[in-house]
């Protein structure tokens, strides 16, 4: 239950600091770096590496192109995306839902433009632990730093930090660890890292 609450808190934090949004749907297709550093914004809040606002966030339509097609045995919903206003700039995200039998999965890709927004807000507060109910553990995915969690009986997720700017979040509910691995391995992290 604690792990589930932490995942819910992370989702709530994703929308913090936002003053506007635009949603859309679109087409999709399928897709190695340093650990996070921090800088300080004019308001004094910590942000992932790079100077907040020093880059323009790529459009959510560009992110949608990196949401993979469904792995074998899964179906994919239409992707969605949004732009959020922060300070006098924007950050963006794109997401896609997948399903099979009694399981569902989500992949979300976020471009923070180096602002401390969305999943980056919880990144530095994650800690490794293991219990009878599950775990959080640090690792690598596609050569980038990651955090993986498991919450009994069948809730899995992974956060992947790409070049201190992009965040990829993958969750699987009602599935297995092998389902999570299939989705994690389907993402083109190198392509995301090269977005400008």
Protein backbone atom coordinates (compact mmCIF):
# COMPACT_ATOMS: atom_id res chain seq x y z
CA UNK A 1 0.00 0.00 0.00
CA UNK A 2 2.87 2.39 0.79
CA UNK A 3 4.32 1.83 -2.69
CA UNK A 4 0.94 2.50 -4.28
CA UNK A 5 0.61 5.75 -2.34
CA UNK A 6 4.11 6.77 -3.41
CA UNK A 7 3.22 6.15 -7.07
CA UNK A 8 0.03 8.20 -6.64
CA UNK A 9 2.03 11.00 -5.00
CA UNK A 10 4.48 10.97 -7.91
CA UNK A 11 1.59 11.34 -10.35
CA UNK A 12 0.18 14.27 -8.35
CA UNK A 13 3.59 15.94 -8.28
CA UNK A 14 3.72 15.72 -12.06
CA UNK A 15 1.08 18.45 -12.31
CA UNK A 16 2.54 20.73 -9.64
CA UNK A 17 3.85 24.11 -10.74
CA UNK A 18 1.62 24.28 -13.83
CA UNK A 19 -0.59 27.15 -14.92
CA UNK A 20 -1.89 25.97 -18.28
CA UNK A 21 -2.37 22.91 -20.48
CA UNK A 22 -3.33 21.79 -23.95
CA UNK A 23 -4.32 18.18 -24.74
CA UNK A 24 -4.34 16.36 -28.08
CA UNK A 25 -4.25 12.93 -29.65
CA UNK A 26 -2.13 11.85 -32.58
CA UNK A 27 -0.21 9.17 -34.42
CA UNK A 28 2.57 7.12 -32.82
CA UNK A 29 5.51 4.89 -33.68
CA UNK A 30 8.22 3.06 -31.71
CA UNK A 31 12.44 4.07 -29.86
CA UNK A 32 23.04 6.57 -22.58
CA UNK A 33 23.72 9.21 -20.16
CA UNK A 34 24.98 10.82 -16.93
CA UNK A 35 23.47 10.95 -13.48
CA UNK A 36 21.34 13.97 -12.54
CA UNK A 37 22.95 17.18 -11.41
CA UNK A 38 21.09 20.13 -9.98
CA UNK A 39 20.92 23.84 -10.56
CA UNK A 40 18.90 26.51 -8.79
CA UNK A 41 16.11 28.50 -10.42
CA UNK A 42 15.49 32.19 -9.75
CA UNK A 43 12.85 31.14 -7.22
CA UNK A 44 15.48 29.02 -5.40
CA UNK A 45 14.02 25.60 -6.26
CA UNK A 46 16.27 22.79 -7.38
CA UNK A 47 15.98 21.55 -10.96
CA UNK A 48 17.51 18.67 -12.93
CA UNK A 49 20.84 19.42 -14.71
CA UNK A 50 21.01 22.33 -17.08
CA UNK A 51 19.63 25.80 -16.58
CA UNK A 52 15.82 25.95 -16.38
CA UNK A 53 14.46 27.58 -19.51
CA UNK A 54 17.83 27.40 -21.32
CA UNK A 55 16.18 25.12 -23.88
CA UNK A 56 12.74 25.06 -25.42
CA UNK A 57 10.78 21.92 -24.62
CA UNK A 58 10.11 19.81 -27.69
CA UNK A 59 6.46 19.65 -28.70
CA UNK A 60 4.33 16.90 -27.27
CA UNK A 61 3.78 15.70 -30.87
CA UNK A 62 7.54 15.05 -31.10
CA UNK A 63 7.32 13.04 -27.86
CA UNK A 64 4.30 11.09 -29.13
CA UNK A 65 6.49 9.75 -31.93
CA UNK A 66 8.60 7.96 -29.28
CA UNK A 67 5.70 6.12 -27.65
CA UNK A 68 6.16 2.53 -28.84
CA UNK A 69 3.59 0.32 -30.48
CA UNK A 70 2.06 -2.41 -28.33
CA UNK A 71 4.22 -5.47 -27.59
CA UNK A 72 2.90 -8.88 -28.70
CA UNK A 73 -0.37 -9.72 -26.93
CA UNK A 74 -1.13 -6.09 -26.00
CA UNK A 75 -3.27 -3.42 -27.68
CA UNK A 76 -2.52 0.31 -27.68
CA UNK A 77 -4.86 3.27 -27.17
CA UNK A 78 -4.45 6.55 -29.05
CA UNK A 79 -1.63 8.63 -27.53
CA UNK A 80 -2.25 11.97 -25.82
CA UNK A 81 0.02 14.91 -25.07
CA UNK A 82 0.09 18.30 -23.37
CA UNK A 83 2.10 21.47 -22.92
CA UNK A 84 2.28 23.07 -19.47
CA UNK A 85 3.31 26.62 -18.64
CA UNK A 86 6.04 27.09 -16.00
CA UNK A 87 7.74 30.41 -15.17
CA UNK A 88 7.64 32.04 -18.64
CA UNK A 89 8.30 28.82 -20.52
CA UNK A 90 6.81 25.37 -21.10
CA UNK A 91 7.36 21.71 -20.38
CA UNK A 92 5.66 18.93 -22.30
CA UNK A 93 4.60 15.32 -22.00
CA UNK A 94 3.05 12.54 -24.08
CA UNK A 95 1.42 9.34 -22.87
CA UNK A 96 -0.09 6.13 -24.18
CA UNK A 97 -2.17 3.40 -22.51
CA UNK A 98 -1.89 -0.30 -23.38
CA UNK A 99 -4.07 -3.25 -22.39
CA UNK A 100 -4.41 -7.04 -22.41
CA UNK A 101 -6.84 -9.32 -20.57
CA UNK A 102 -6.93 -7.94 -16.98
CA UNK A 103 -3.72 -5.90 -17.25
CA UNK A 104 -2.95 -2.36 -18.36
CA UNK A 105 0.21 -0.36 -18.87
CA UNK A 106 1.14 3.29 -19.35
CA UNK A 107 4.17 4.95 -20.90
CA UNK A 108 4.69 8.66 -20.30
CA UNK A 109 7.55 10.73 -21.75
CA UNK A 110 8.21 14.17 -20.28
CA UNK A 111 10.48 17.02 -21.46
CA UNK A 112 11.15 19.18 -18.40
CA UNK A 113 13.25 21.79 -20.26
CA UNK A 114 15.41 21.47 -17.11
CA UNK A 115 12.63 22.75 -14.80
CA UNK A 116 11.94 20.89 -11.56
CA UNK A 117 8.53 19.69 -12.74
CA UNK A 118 6.59 16.49 -13.16
CA UNK A 119 8.41 13.30 -12.29
CA UNK A 120 11.70 15.17 -11.79
CA UNK A 121 10.21 16.60 -8.58
CA UNK A 122 10.24 13.18 -6.95
CA UNK A 123 13.44 11.82 -8.57
CA UNK A 124 15.91 12.94 -5.88
CA UNK A 125 13.62 11.84 -3.05
CA UNK A 126 13.50 8.17 -4.13
CA UNK A 127 15.33 5.68 -1.94
CA UNK A 128 16.14 1.99 -2.36
CA UNK A 129 14.32 -0.44 -0.08
CA UNK A 130 12.88 -3.93 -0.06
CA UNK A 131 10.09 -5.36 2.09
CA UNK A 132 7.66 -8.26 2.13
CA UNK A 133 5.31 -6.05 0.09
CA UNK A 134 7.68 -4.98 -2.67
CA UNK A 135 10.72 -2.85 -3.46
CA UNK A 136 12.21 0.32 -4.93
CA UNK A 137 15.64 -0.10 -6.49
CA UNK A 138 18.04 2.02 -8.45
CA UNK A 139 19.41 0.73 -11.74
CA UNK A 140 19.86 1.47 -15.43
CA UNK A 141 17.52 1.21 -18.41
CA UNK A 142 18.84 1.72 -21.91
CA UNK A 143 22.09 2.94 -20.33
CA UNK A 144 20.35 5.71 -18.32
CA UNK A 145 19.74 5.95 -14.57
CA UNK A 146 16.44 4.44 -13.46
CA UNK A 147 14.28 3.57 -10.48
CA UNK A 148 12.13 0.45 -10.53
CA UNK A 149 9.35 -0.48 -8.12
CA UNK A 150 7.20 -3.51 -7.39
CA UNK A 151 4.14 -3.52 -5.16
CA UNK A 152 2.34 -6.81 -4.39
CA UNK A 153 0.54 -8.45 -5.95
CA UNK A 154 1.16 -7.18 -9.51
CA UNK A 155 2.03 -3.47 -9.72
CA UNK A 156 5.32 -2.58 -11.47
CA UNK A 157 6.92 0.63 -12.64
CA UNK A 158 10.13 2.24 -13.85
CA UNK A 159 11.30 5.86 -14.08
CA UNK A 160 14.17 6.54 -16.51
CA UNK A 161 16.04 9.88 -16.42
CA UNK A 162 17.43 10.76 -19.86
CA UNK A 163 20.16 13.44 -19.98
CA UNK A 164 18.80 15.20 -16.86
CA UNK A 165 15.98 16.60 -19.01
CA UNK A 166 13.63 13.88 -20.26
CA UNK A 167 11.81 11.47 -17.98
CA UNK A 168 10.24 8.22 -19.16
CA UNK A 169 7.75 6.61 -16.77
CA UNK A 170 6.41 3.12 -17.41
CA UNK A 171 3.86 1.34 -15.23
CA UNK A 172 2.17 -2.05 -15.46
CA UNK A 173 -0.87 -3.00 -13.36
CA UNK A 174 -2.14 -6.59 -13.30
CA UNK A 175 0.81 -7.80 -15.34
CA UNK A 176 4.21 -9.29 -14.63
CA UNK A 177 7.85 -8.23 -14.35
CA UNK A 178 8.39 -9.59 -17.87
CA UNK A 179 5.60 -7.28 -19.10
CA UNK A 180 7.37 -4.32 -17.50
CA UNK A 181 10.67 -5.37 -19.09
CA UNK A 182 8.98 -5.63 -22.53
CA UNK A 183 7.74 -2.04 -22.27
CA UNK A 184 11.01 -0.70 -20.82
CA UNK A 185 12.95 -2.34 -23.67
CA UNK A 186 10.54 -1.02 -26.34
CA UNK A 187 11.43 2.66 -25.70
CA UNK A 188 14.03 4.36 -27.92
CA UNK A 189 15.99 6.20 -25.20
CA UNK A 190 18.79 7.19 -27.60
CA UNK A 191 16.27 8.84 -29.91
CA UNK A 192 14.71 10.73 -27.01
CA UNK A 193 18.18 11.86 -25.83
CA UNK A 194 18.85 13.36 -29.28
CA UNK A 195 15.69 15.51 -29.31
CA UNK A 196 16.42 19.24 -29.43
